[in-house]
Every structure is written in structure tokens, then in C-alpha cells.
Amino acid sequence: MSASVLGLLPGSLAAFVTGFDLALPWLWLLLPLPWLAARLLPRERMEGGALRVPGTLVTSTGTGGAVAGRGRRRAVLLWGLWIGLVAALSGPRVILPGHALPASGREIMIAMDLSGSMERRDFALDGETVSRLAAVKRVGADFIRRRAGDRIGLVIFADQAYAAAGLTFDTASVARALEEATIGITGRSTGIGDGLGLALRRLDPRDARGDSSSPEGRPAATRAVVLLSDGANNAGQTTPKDVADLAREIGVKVYTIALGPRDLADANGEQDVVDTETLRAMAETSGGRFFRVKTTDDLVAVANAIDSLVGGQADAPPLPLRRDLWIWPGALALAFAVALLAGRTSA
């Protein structure tokens, strides 16, 4: 339809006309199939002792017009049924343009320590003493939900590391994955190196090279890992220093959070205390930042500080809105079928 004609239509109707489409348009070639079948296939001959009634007799009794009318009505219903079926099977739909999704250009993998020491109850939340894990879940889930426009993922590590949520714009699902994390599912030790290594692998490798632009010509996304631990590396196959060097090579900044009231340097024999020096070195090696958290207020302040990270800007492609319309011709075909059945019953 020409642009001049579309200009005369209301906005919503013009959008419908321009966006109308068929998923399987070739199915309309089946439309003349019943007519071709009636013309080309041999008619079935009547067997047995049928009585031929003269046409003058049928006309004189007044039933000829009624029979002819029923035949025309049946033909109309059959054709309506067939056209409705073909139209529904061809997949009519309308595709309307959507708005561009907000996108910050940031991709953040959160690597969280899920070792046994996270059960320690030395944090306060809503006036009550809670475990470290409970405080991290509350503050971390709120931080993730605020990251609208970012691609967020979650890696959990203890004896082993596993990806609880891949990179996605669906921040709500990542927040739920964090809230549902349970200590013990991957052991109770602390494999910091493996946790960071898996987080780096989950970042998109196409742009994680420190390039100024992606192959599509878009600005390269700012990639970062936020790693939280309350212990020292005592499990896994890799060392934190080696993985931090890898992060620097591929242009991924690591922001480390040391959680807990006591440090390994002044532990005085206490077990399960945080290795702040290693976490600080990891952040400095990769070009990120180190944060020390001893209370829930510190954790909230760190979340707000990381929330202010500045990254490149990139618009996500518009999300087209597709509405399938097959139900309408399908309903029309059903109505013709019901009318045919009702006609046979009353005949």
C-alpha cells in the first residue's frame, strides 16, 4: 500500500497494515484445491435401484427451490470452513515496532563465596543478628535488581564453582538465584581462584579483549567481576593471583569485597577469617577496586559504590512486538463447521 494511502488511515490502523505478515503465505495456494478436486476427480456412480424423479414433478411440488437453496447454503458453509482453515494455517500476524531496550553497556558477573563460614552470625539486619549469607542475600539481591540495563550473571563457589545464572538483562531472575543459594551444594571450602576463573569464562569472549568496539560497530561493553569472599583460598585448581593476571589481560576489572570482622593478618589463630591481602592484590592487578566490609552498613555502602560504576553506552536492538492472529480465522472456520453440523441435524 502506498504511503499516500497509509497517510489517510488512523495511526493504529496504518501500523497494523504495514506490520501485517503471514508466517506461511504459500499455504494460500491450497485455496482452490476443493474446486480442482470437484472438477478433476471422477464422480462416484450411484449403485442399486435408485428412483429417478422427473424434474417437472419436483418443481410442481415446490421442493426444488428448497433443495437448491440448501445446496447453495451448504456450498457457502463448506467454502467458508475451508477458507478459514487455510487462513489460520497460513499464520497471519502483525509485527509492531517496539522501543529500544535500555542498555548501559555493562556486563557484570557476581562471584559469591558460599563456603561454610558464611553461616557465621556476626551481621545485623533489621535489628537482629543474622548470618553473613543472609546479609549478603538482602543487600546483593537489592543491588542486582537496581542494575536495569546491565547484563548480570551469578557464579557461586566453594569447593567447586558453578554458574547459578548466566549473563542476562533479566535482573529479577539473577536476584532470585542469589536468594535461593544454599551453603553446602558445592562444598564448604573456599576456591576463590576457580570462582573468579568461571566468572571470566562466562563473560562474552567476543568483546572481552579490551577492544574499543565490537564486530558489530557498537562500543565495547564495560565488563567487570564483583567477587565477595569471607575466607582464604584453600580449594580449587587455580590460584587467585594467576586468574587476576588473566583478568587484566582480557580487560576485565575485578572488584573484590572482603567480608567479615577479622583479617587473616591479625587472626591470632582464629579459623575461617578473610584473606584481605589476597583480595586486595587481585583487585589491584586487574585494575579494579578493593572493599573492606565488617558490618551490614559497610556492605550497603559498598553496593552503592559499585552501583556507580561508569561504563560504555550501547543501545540494545528494539524488541518487535508480534501478535498472532490465527485465532480469528480459526474461530470463523469453527463457526462454519458448527453451522454445517446444525444443518445436517435439522435436515
Protein backbone atom coordinates (compact mmCIF):
# COMPACT_ATOMS: atom_id res chain seq x y z
CA MET A 1 0.00 0.00 0.00
CA SER A 2 1.36 3.41 -0.96
CA ALA A 3 2.50 5.94 1.61
CA SER A 4 -0.16 8.43 0.47
CA VAL A 5 -2.94 5.95 1.18
CA LEU A 6 -1.44 4.97 4.53
CA GLY A 7 -1.35 8.62 5.48
CA LEU A 8 -5.15 8.75 5.27
CA LEU A 9 -5.55 5.92 7.78
CA PRO A 10 -5.57 6.33 11.56
CA GLY A 11 -2.21 5.72 13.21
CA SER A 12 -3.09 2.36 14.77
CA LEU A 13 -4.67 1.05 11.56
CA ALA A 14 -1.73 2.22 9.45
CA ALA A 15 0.66 0.42 11.83
CA PHE A 16 -1.46 -2.72 11.54
CA VAL A 17 -1.45 -2.62 7.73
CA THR A 18 2.30 -2.04 7.46
CA GLY A 19 3.10 -4.68 10.06
CA PHE A 20 0.76 -7.40 8.76
CA ASP A 21 2.55 -10.57 7.72
CA LEU A 22 1.96 -14.28 7.05
CA ALA A 23 4.19 -16.95 8.53
CA LEU A 24 3.38 -19.44 5.73
CA PRO A 25 1.93 -17.45 2.82
CA TRP A 26 2.41 -20.33 0.35
CA LEU A 27 -0.44 -22.23 2.04
CA TRP A 28 -2.87 -19.96 0.20
CA LEU A 29 -2.01 -21.98 -2.92
CA LEU A 30 -4.21 -24.69 -1.41
CA LEU A 31 -7.30 -22.47 -1.58
CA PRO A 32 -8.63 -23.75 -4.96
CA LEU A 33 -7.97 -27.38 -4.01
CA PRO A 34 -11.67 -28.32 -3.39
CA TRP A 35 -12.73 -26.73 -6.70
CA LEU A 36 -9.97 -28.62 -8.57
CA ALA A 37 -10.94 -31.86 -6.84
CA ALA A 38 -14.58 -31.44 -7.86
CA ARG A 39 -13.59 -30.81 -11.48
CA LEU A 40 -10.84 -33.37 -11.96
CA LEU A 41 -11.81 -36.35 -9.85
CA PRO A 42 -14.36 -38.77 -11.36
CA ARG A 43 -17.77 -38.63 -9.74
CA GLU A 44 -18.91 -41.65 -7.81
CA ARG A 45 -21.62 -43.57 -9.66
CA MET A 46 -24.84 -44.44 -7.92
CA GLU A 47 -25.26 -48.19 -7.37
CA GLY A 48 -28.53 -50.00 -6.71
CA GLY A 49 -32.13 -49.26 -7.55
CA ALA A 50 -32.38 -45.52 -7.37
CA LEU A 51 -35.67 -43.92 -8.40
CA ARG A 52 -35.29 -41.11 -10.93
CA VAL A 53 -37.92 -38.42 -10.33
CA PRO A 54 -38.89 -36.18 -13.25
CA GLY A 55 -37.89 -32.55 -12.83
CA THR A 56 -41.43 -31.35 -13.58
CA LEU A 57 -42.73 -33.35 -10.65
CA VAL A 58 -40.15 -31.85 -8.27
CA THR A 59 -40.97 -28.35 -9.50
CA SER A 60 -44.70 -28.85 -9.17
CA THR A 61 -44.42 -29.93 -5.56
CA GLY A 62 -42.38 -26.79 -4.67
CA THR A 63 -39.43 -28.67 -3.20
CA GLY A 64 -36.96 -27.93 -5.98
CA GLY A 65 -36.21 -24.40 -4.78
CA ALA A 66 -35.74 -25.60 -1.23
CA VAL A 67 -33.32 -28.33 -2.28
CA ALA A 68 -31.37 -25.90 -4.44
CA GLY A 69 -31.26 -23.37 -1.60
CA ARG A 70 -29.93 -25.95 0.83
CA GLY A 71 -27.27 -26.93 -1.69
CA ARG A 72 -26.11 -23.35 -2.13
CA ARG A 73 -26.09 -22.82 1.63
CA ARG A 74 -24.04 -25.97 2.16
CA ALA A 75 -21.58 -24.89 -0.53
CA VAL A 76 -21.15 -21.46 1.09
CA LEU A 77 -20.55 -23.04 4.51
CA LEU A 78 -18.04 -25.53 3.12
CA TRP A 79 -16.11 -22.81 1.32
CA GLY A 80 -16.19 -20.62 4.42
CA LEU A 81 -14.84 -23.50 6.50
CA TRP A 82 -12.05 -24.18 4.01
CA ILE A 83 -11.05 -20.51 3.65
CA GLY A 84 -10.96 -20.10 7.43
CA LEU A 85 -8.74 -23.16 7.81
CA VAL A 86 -6.31 -22.02 5.11
CA ALA A 87 -6.18 -18.52 6.59
CA ALA A 88 -5.50 -19.85 10.10
CA LEU A 89 -2.82 -22.29 8.92
CA SER A 90 -1.01 -19.58 6.95
CA GLY A 91 -0.17 -17.89 10.27
CA PRO A 92 -1.48 -14.32 9.99
CA ARG A 93 0.28 -11.98 12.37
CA VAL A 94 1.06 -8.35 12.88
CA ILE A 95 4.56 -7.19 13.82
CA LEU A 96 4.64 -3.82 15.54
CA PRO A 97 7.87 -1.91 16.22
CA GLY A 98 8.97 -1.83 19.84
CA HIS A 99 11.08 0.62 21.77
CA ALA A 100 14.81 0.12 22.22
CA LEU A 101 15.66 -1.59 25.46
CA PRO A 102 17.67 0.46 27.94
CA ALA A 103 21.25 -0.77 27.94
CA SER A 104 24.18 0.58 29.88
CA GLY A 105 26.85 -1.40 28.05
CA ARG A 106 27.95 -3.03 31.32
CA GLU A 107 28.31 -6.76 31.86
CA ILE A 108 28.85 -7.80 35.47
CA MET A 109 29.45 -11.26 36.83
CA ILE A 110 28.95 -11.59 40.57
CA ALA A 111 31.12 -14.29 42.16
CA MET A 112 29.94 -15.13 45.67
CA ASP A 113 31.65 -17.25 48.31
CA LEU A 114 29.31 -19.97 49.55
CA SER A 115 31.70 -21.68 51.95
CA GLY A 116 30.72 -22.88 55.41
CA SER A 117 31.99 -19.75 57.13
CA MET A 118 29.17 -17.77 55.52
CA GLU A 119 26.92 -19.33 58.17
CA ARG A 120 28.54 -17.27 60.93
CA ARG A 121 26.07 -14.98 62.63
CA ASP A 122 28.00 -11.75 63.10
CA PHE A 123 25.99 -9.31 60.97
CA ALA A 124 22.94 -7.25 61.90
CA LEU A 125 19.82 -6.93 59.79
CA ASP A 126 16.61 -5.16 60.87
CA GLY A 127 17.83 -5.09 64.45
CA GLU A 128 18.58 -8.82 64.58
CA THR A 129 21.80 -10.80 64.39
CA VAL A 130 21.90 -12.79 61.17
CA SER A 131 24.38 -14.86 59.21
CA ARG A 132 26.78 -13.33 56.72
CA LEU A 133 24.93 -15.12 53.93
CA ALA A 134 21.58 -13.61 54.96
CA ALA A 135 23.05 -10.10 54.89
CA VAL A 136 24.68 -10.68 51.51
CA LYS A 137 21.45 -12.04 50.07
CA ARG A 138 19.46 -8.99 51.21
CA VAL A 139 21.94 -6.37 50.03
CA GLY A 140 23.12 -8.29 46.96
CA ALA A 141 19.63 -9.03 45.64
CA ASP A 142 18.71 -5.36 46.02
CA PHE A 143 21.91 -4.35 44.19
CA ILE A 144 21.16 -6.74 41.31
CA ARG A 145 17.57 -5.56 40.90
CA ARG A 146 18.80 -1.96 40.61
CA ARG A 147 21.02 -2.83 37.64
CA ALA A 148 18.31 -2.39 35.00
CA GLY A 149 20.01 -2.14 31.61
CA ASP A 150 23.04 -4.20 32.65
CA ARG A 151 23.68 -7.83 31.83
CA ILE A 152 24.16 -9.58 35.16
CA GLY A 153 25.28 -13.12 35.94
CA LEU A 154 25.99 -15.07 39.11
CA VAL A 155 28.75 -17.57 39.95
CA ILE A 156 28.81 -19.36 43.30
CA PHE A 157 31.98 -21.03 44.58
CA ALA A 158 33.11 -23.20 47.50
CA ASP A 159 34.99 -26.47 46.87
CA GLN A 160 33.91 -26.03 43.25
CA ALA A 161 32.45 -23.18 41.24
CA TYR A 162 29.25 -23.23 39.22
CA ALA A 163 27.22 -20.68 37.29
CA ALA A 164 23.91 -20.10 39.05
CA ALA A 165 22.77 -17.60 36.37
CA GLY A 166 24.26 -16.68 33.01
CA LEU A 167 24.59 -13.12 31.76
CA THR A 168 21.12 -11.72 31.19
CA PHE A 169 19.11 -8.50 31.22
CA ASP A 170 16.61 -10.31 33.46
CA THR A 171 17.99 -8.98 36.72
CA ALA A 172 15.00 -10.30 38.68
CA SER A 173 15.87 -13.90 37.84
CA VAL A 174 19.51 -13.40 38.88
CA ALA A 175 18.38 -11.85 42.17
CA ARG A 176 16.14 -14.89 42.81
CA ALA A 177 19.07 -17.22 42.09
CA LEU A 178 21.11 -15.38 44.72
CA GLU A 179 18.29 -15.52 47.27
CA GLU A 180 17.89 -19.27 46.71
CA ALA A 181 21.61 -20.08 47.12
CA THR A 182 22.27 -22.64 49.86
CA ILE A 183 25.50 -23.45 51.66
CA GLY A 184 26.80 -26.95 51.05
CA ILE A 185 25.66 -27.53 47.47
CA THR A 186 29.25 -27.16 46.20
CA GLY A 187 31.13 -27.99 49.41
CA ARG A 188 32.23 -25.87 52.33
CA SER A 189 35.77 -24.77 51.41
CA THR A 190 36.82 -21.60 49.56
CA GLY A 191 38.00 -21.82 45.95
CA ILE A 192 38.47 -18.14 45.14
CA GLY A 193 40.62 -18.75 42.07
CA ASP A 194 38.13 -21.16 40.49
CA GLY A 195 35.24 -18.82 41.25
CA LEU A 196 36.92 -15.90 39.51
CA GLY A 197 38.03 -18.11 36.62
CA LEU A 198 34.49 -19.31 35.92
CA ALA A 199 33.18 -15.75 36.13
CA LEU A 200 35.70 -14.66 33.49
CA ARG A 201 34.70 -17.54 31.23
CA ARG A 202 31.03 -16.57 31.47
CA LEU A 203 31.72 -13.06 30.18
CA ASP A 204 31.18 -12.84 26.41
CA PRO A 205 34.56 -13.70 24.86
CA ARG A 206 33.87 -11.76 21.64
CA ASP A 207 34.31 -8.37 23.29
CA ALA A 208 36.32 -9.26 26.40
CA ARG A 209 39.61 -8.30 24.73
CA GLY A 210 39.77 -4.66 25.69
CA ASP A 211 38.86 -3.62 22.13
CA SER A 212 37.39 -0.19 21.55
CA SER A 213 34.50 -1.54 19.50
CA SER A 214 32.68 -4.78 18.89
CA PRO A 215 32.45 -6.54 15.50
CA GLU A 216 29.02 -5.02 15.00
CA GLY A 217 30.42 -1.49 15.33
CA ARG A 218 28.92 -0.92 18.78
CA PRO A 219 31.01 0.42 21.66
CA ALA A 220 32.56 -2.45 23.59
CA ALA A 221 30.79 -3.25 26.80
CA THR A 222 32.43 -2.50 30.15
CA ARG A 223 33.00 -5.84 31.83
CA ALA A 224 33.61 -6.43 35.49
CA VAL A 225 33.54 -9.15 38.13
CA VAL A 226 32.34 -8.39 41.65
CA LEU A 227 33.86 -11.07 43.89
CA LEU A 228 32.87 -11.46 47.53
CA SER A 229 34.62 -13.77 49.99
CA ASP A 230 34.90 -14.15 53.75
CA GLY A 231 37.82 -16.61 53.77
CA ALA A 232 41.15 -17.60 52.26
CA ASN A 233 41.72 -19.64 49.11
CA ASN A 234 42.02 -23.28 50.22
CA ALA A 235 40.40 -25.24 47.38
CA GLY A 236 40.25 -25.39 43.61
CA GLN A 237 42.72 -25.89 40.78
CA THR A 238 43.86 -22.30 40.22
CA THR A 239 45.47 -19.58 42.31
CA PRO A 240 43.79 -16.18 42.71
CA LYS A 241 46.89 -14.33 41.50
CA ASP A 242 47.09 -16.23 38.22
CA VAL A 243 43.41 -15.68 37.47
CA ALA A 244 43.72 -11.97 38.34
CA ASP A 245 46.53 -11.74 35.78
CA LEU A 246 44.21 -13.30 33.20
CA ALA A 247 41.51 -10.76 34.04
CA ARG A 248 43.98 -7.95 33.38
CA GLU A 249 44.99 -9.47 30.04
CA ILE A 250 41.41 -9.67 28.74
CA GLY A 251 40.43 -6.24 30.08
CA VAL A 252 38.05 -7.30 32.87
CA LYS A 253 38.22 -5.35 36.13
CA VAL A 254 37.73 -7.29 39.34
CA TYR A 255 36.10 -5.60 42.32
CA THR A 256 36.78 -7.63 45.46
CA ILE A 257 34.89 -7.46 48.74
CA ALA A 258 36.50 -8.83 51.92
CA LEU A 259 33.67 -9.84 54.26
CA GLY A 260 33.97 -10.40 58.00
CA PRO A 261 35.15 -8.60 61.14
CA ARG A 262 38.62 -10.22 61.33
CA ASP A 263 41.53 -10.34 58.87
CA LEU A 264 43.92 -13.21 58.25
CA ALA A 265 46.84 -10.96 59.19
CA ASP A 266 45.56 -10.44 62.78
CA ALA A 267 43.59 -13.65 63.22
CA ASN A 268 45.63 -14.87 66.25
CA GLY A 269 44.87 -18.47 65.40
CA GLU A 270 41.21 -17.90 64.59
CA GLN A 271 39.87 -20.05 61.77
CA ASP A 272 37.88 -19.01 58.70
CA VAL A 273 38.94 -15.37 58.58
CA VAL A 274 39.14 -13.33 55.41
CA ASP A 275 42.38 -13.00 53.42
CA THR A 276 42.23 -9.27 52.72
CA GLU A 277 45.74 -9.08 51.28
CA THR A 278 44.98 -11.60 48.52
CA LEU A 279 41.69 -9.94 47.66
CA ARG A 280 43.35 -6.52 47.58
CA ALA A 281 46.10 -7.81 45.29
CA MET A 282 43.52 -9.34 42.92
CA ALA A 283 41.70 -6.03 42.59
CA GLU A 284 44.88 -4.02 42.05
CA THR A 285 46.25 -6.48 39.49
CA SER A 286 43.11 -6.29 37.35
CA GLY A 287 42.65 -2.53 37.68
CA GLY A 288 39.58 -2.80 39.89
CA ARG A 289 38.98 -1.77 43.50
CA PHE A 290 39.14 -3.47 46.87
CA PHE A 291 36.45 -3.00 49.54
CA ARG A 292 36.54 -3.98 53.20
CA VAL A 293 33.21 -4.92 54.78
CA LYS A 294 32.83 -5.58 58.51
CA THR A 295 29.17 -4.65 59.08
CA THR A 296 25.92 -4.58 57.18
CA ASP A 297 26.23 -0.81 56.81
CA ASP A 298 29.62 -1.31 55.17
CA LEU A 299 28.04 -3.81 52.79
CA VAL A 300 25.32 -1.35 51.80
CA ALA A 301 27.90 1.39 51.23
CA VAL A 302 29.98 -0.91 49.02
CA ALA A 303 26.92 -1.88 46.98
CA ASN A 304 26.16 1.80 46.42
CA ALA A 305 29.78 2.48 45.44
CA ILE A 306 29.82 -0.33 42.89
CA ASP A 307 26.41 0.78 41.68
CA SER A 308 28.04 4.00 40.47
CA LEU A 309 30.40 2.23 38.07
CA VAL A 310 30.54 4.10 34.76
CA GLY A 311 30.59 2.02 31.59
CA GLY A 312 30.21 2.47 27.86
CA GLN A 313 26.84 3.17 26.32
CA ALA A 314 25.17 0.80 23.86
CA ASP A 315 21.56 0.64 22.76
CA ALA A 316 20.03 -2.80 22.68
CA PRO A 317 18.09 -3.53 19.48
CA PRO A 318 14.36 -2.73 19.53
CA LEU A 319 12.19 -5.62 20.61
CA PRO A 320 9.47 -6.21 17.99
CA LEU A 321 6.02 -7.00 19.32
CA ARG A 322 4.44 -9.88 17.40
CA ARG A 323 0.77 -10.69 17.77
CA ASP A 324 -0.55 -13.87 16.19
CA LEU A 325 -3.97 -13.52 14.54
CA TRP A 326 -4.65 -17.12 13.51
CA ILE A 327 -7.26 -17.49 16.23
CA TRP A 328 -9.72 -15.23 14.36
CA PRO A 329 -9.90 -17.18 11.07
CA GLY A 330 -9.74 -20.34 13.15
CA ALA A 331 -12.81 -19.24 15.10
CA LEU A 332 -14.56 -18.37 11.83
CA ALA A 333 -13.84 -21.86 10.45
CA LEU A 334 -15.22 -23.38 13.66
CA ALA A 335 -18.40 -21.33 13.31
CA PHE A 336 -18.90 -22.60 9.73
CA ALA A 337 -18.31 -26.19 10.90
CA VAL A 338 -20.95 -25.81 13.63
CA ALA A 339 -23.39 -24.39 11.10
CA LEU A 340 -22.80 -27.36 8.80
CA LEU A 341 -23.44 -29.83 11.60
CA ALA A 342 -26.58 -27.96 12.64
CA GLY A 343 -27.85 -28.08 9.04
CA ARG A 344 -27.33 -31.82 8.79
CA THR A 345 -29.15 -32.38 12.07
CA SER A 346 -32.19 -30.35 11.04
CA ALA A 347 -32.34 -31.85 7.52
